[in-house]
Protein backbone atom coordinates (compact mmCIF):
# COMPACT_ATOMS: atom_id res chain seq x y z
CA MET A 1 118.13 83.77 102.49
CA ARG A 2 114.49 84.05 103.37
CA LEU A 3 111.59 85.67 101.57
CA ASN A 4 110.39 89.07 102.73
CA GLY A 5 107.36 91.14 101.79
CA ASP A 6 109.04 92.74 98.77
CA SER A 7 110.09 89.41 97.29
CA LEU A 8 106.62 87.93 97.82
CA PHE A 9 105.03 90.99 96.24
CA ALA A 10 107.39 90.74 93.23
CA ALA A 11 106.56 87.04 92.85
CA GLY A 12 102.81 87.81 92.95
CA VAL A 13 103.11 90.60 90.38
CA PHE A 14 105.22 88.32 88.19
CA ALA A 15 102.49 85.66 88.33
CA ILE A 16 99.77 88.17 87.41
CA PHE A 17 101.70 89.52 84.43
CA SER A 18 102.67 86.01 83.34
CA PHE A 19 98.94 85.39 82.97
CA GLY A 20 98.70 88.66 80.99
CA THR A 21 101.50 87.53 78.70
CA TYR A 22 99.75 84.22 78.16
CA GLN A 23 96.44 85.97 77.40
CA ALA A 24 98.14 88.27 74.88
CA MET A 25 99.69 85.24 73.17
CA ILE A 26 96.38 83.39 72.79
CA MET A 27 94.30 86.44 71.87
CA LYS A 28 92.01 85.82 68.90
CA ASP A 29 93.21 87.54 65.76
CA PRO A 30 96.20 89.29 67.37
CA LYS A 31 97.79 90.18 64.03
CA GLY A 32 97.08 93.50 62.45
CA GLY A 33 97.20 94.57 58.84
CA PRO A 34 100.30 95.52 56.86
CA ALA A 35 100.64 98.86 58.67
CA ASP A 36 99.17 97.70 62.00
CA VAL A 37 101.06 95.81 64.72
CA GLY A 38 97.90 94.17 66.05
CA ALA A 39 95.95 94.26 69.27
CA ALA A 40 98.24 91.86 71.17
CA PHE A 41 101.53 93.63 70.43
CA PHE A 42 101.51 96.30 73.09
CA PRO A 43 99.95 94.28 75.97
CA PHE A 44 102.39 91.42 75.34
CA TRP A 45 105.48 93.60 75.52
CA VAL A 46 104.25 95.57 78.54
CA CYS A 47 103.69 92.30 80.40
CA VAL A 48 107.12 90.98 79.41
CA PHE A 49 108.76 94.24 80.50
CA ILE A 50 106.99 94.15 83.89
CA GLN A 51 107.97 90.50 84.31
CA ILE A 52 111.63 91.43 83.77
CA LEU A 53 111.35 94.26 86.30
CA THR A 54 109.73 92.01 88.90
CA VAL A 55 112.51 89.43 88.50
CA ILE A 56 115.03 92.23 89.15
CA ILE A 57 113.06 93.37 92.22
CA PHE A 58 112.83 89.78 93.46
CA ILE A 59 116.59 89.25 93.16
CA GLN A 60 117.38 92.60 94.79
CA SER A 61 115.03 91.91 97.68
CA LEU A 62 116.71 88.56 98.30
CA ARG A 63 120.17 90.11 98.13
CA ASN A 64 119.24 93.01 100.42
CA ASN A 65 117.35 90.83 102.89
CA ASP A 66 120.39 90.32 105.07
CA LYS A 67 121.28 94.02 105.13
CA SER A 68 119.26 96.29 107.36
CA GLY A 69 118.18 99.47 105.66
CA PRO A 70 118.45 102.97 107.09
CA TYR A 71 114.96 102.66 108.52
CA GLU A 72 112.08 100.26 108.63
CA VAL A 73 108.86 101.36 106.94
CA SER A 74 105.79 100.71 109.03
CA ALA A 75 102.74 98.98 107.62
CA ALA A 76 100.72 102.16 108.19
CA ARG A 77 103.11 104.21 106.04
CA ARG A 78 103.03 101.59 103.28
CA PHE A 79 99.23 101.57 103.45
CA PHE A 80 99.25 105.39 103.18
CA LEU A 81 101.44 105.19 100.08
CA LEU A 82 99.35 102.45 98.47
CA THR A 83 96.10 104.28 99.19
CA GLY A 84 97.50 107.55 97.85
CA ILE A 85 98.70 105.96 94.61
CA LEU A 86 95.39 104.15 94.09
CA LEU A 87 93.42 107.36 94.69
CA LEU A 88 95.61 109.22 92.23
CA LEU A 89 95.18 106.42 89.70
CA PHE A 90 91.38 106.51 90.01
CA GLY A 91 91.46 110.29 89.70
CA TYR A 92 93.63 109.98 86.60
CA ILE A 93 91.18 107.56 85.00
CA PHE A 94 88.23 109.76 85.99
CA VAL A 95 89.56 113.05 84.52
CA MET A 96 91.33 111.71 81.43
CA ASP A 97 88.31 112.02 79.14
CA SER A 98 87.46 115.53 80.28
CA ILE A 99 90.91 117.18 80.25
CA GLY A 100 92.78 114.92 77.82
CA PHE A 101 95.65 112.48 77.97
CA ILE A 102 98.57 114.92 78.08
CA ILE A 103 97.31 117.18 80.88
CA SER A 104 95.94 114.33 83.00
CA SER A 105 99.16 112.34 82.58
CA ILE A 106 101.28 115.32 83.63
CA LEU A 107 99.10 115.86 86.71
CA PHE A 108 99.15 112.16 87.60
CA LEU A 109 102.91 111.69 87.19
CA VAL A 110 103.81 114.87 89.07
CA SER A 111 101.37 113.95 91.87
CA VAL A 112 102.76 110.43 92.22
CA HIS A 113 106.29 111.83 92.24
CA GLN A 114 105.38 114.31 94.99
CA LEU A 115 103.67 111.55 96.97
CA LEU A 116 106.79 109.39 96.76
CA ILE A 117 108.97 112.31 97.88
CA LEU A 118 106.58 112.99 100.75
CA PHE A 119 106.69 109.31 101.70
CA GLU A 120 110.48 109.20 101.61
CA THR A 121 111.40 112.56 103.17
CA GLY A 122 108.30 113.67 105.05
CA LYS A 123 108.00 116.90 103.03
CA LEU A 124 107.26 117.94 99.46
CA SER A 125 110.06 118.80 97.04
CA PRO A 126 111.35 122.37 96.85
CA LEU A 127 110.12 124.68 94.09
CA LYS A 128 113.16 124.05 91.87
CA GLY A 129 112.71 120.26 92.11
CA PHE A 130 108.97 120.63 91.52
CA ALA A 131 109.56 122.72 88.39
CA PHE A 132 112.05 120.15 87.09
CA SER A 133 109.58 117.31 87.68
CA VAL A 134 106.83 119.23 85.85
CA LEU A 135 109.15 119.77 82.86
CA PHE A 136 110.36 116.17 82.89
CA PHE A 137 106.89 114.62 83.18
CA SER A 138 105.51 117.02 80.57
CA SER A 139 108.16 115.73 78.17
CA VAL A 140 107.34 112.12 79.07
CA SER A 141 103.59 112.68 78.56
CA ILE A 142 104.09 114.38 75.20
CA LEU A 143 106.45 111.61 74.08
CA LEU A 144 103.95 108.93 75.14
CA TYR A 145 101.14 110.73 73.33
CA PHE A 146 103.23 110.95 70.18
CA MET A 147 104.21 107.29 70.46
CA PHE A 148 100.67 106.02 70.94
CA ASN A 149 99.03 108.41 68.50
CA THR A 150 101.59 108.25 65.70
CA VAL A 151 103.59 105.02 66.03
CA PHE A 152 100.93 102.66 67.42
CA ARG A 153 98.03 104.59 65.82
CA LEU A 154 95.86 104.38 68.91
CA ALA A 155 93.40 107.15 69.66
CA LEU A 156 93.94 108.74 73.06
CA PRO A 157 91.58 111.09 74.89
C-alpha cells in the first residue's frame, strides 16, 4: 500500500480539523446558559464529524489504491472542479446577506450538485433530475434553517 493524492488530502484535512477540535475544546467560556449549548458546541461536533469522514476517506483511498478506477482524472479537471466549488462558495457567502439563508443555500447546493454532475458525466442533469435536486436541497435548506434558528437559537441571514 502506498499513499496517493486522496489519502494525503484526507490526512491534511484531518490535521486541520483536529486543530479546530482542539480550539473548540480550549475556547474561553464555551458553556452556555441553562437553555444555551454554548459557543463551542457546534464547532466541536462539526470538526469531530469531519475528522470521522476523513478517516473513512483515508481508509478507502488506501484500499482502492491497488484497484484502477474506470478512468483517471487529470489534474486540469480536478483544478476545474476545485475552482468551480470555491467560486460557488464565495458567491454563496457574498449573496447570503442580500437574499437570505434559505434561498442562497438552495442555489449553492443545487449549483454544486450540477457542477459535480458536469464533472462526472460531462453534461448537466436532465430536467427531471434537476427538479428532484431542487426539491431535495430546498428541504435540506429549510431543515438546516429550522435547526439553526430554533434548536441552536442562532440568527441566520
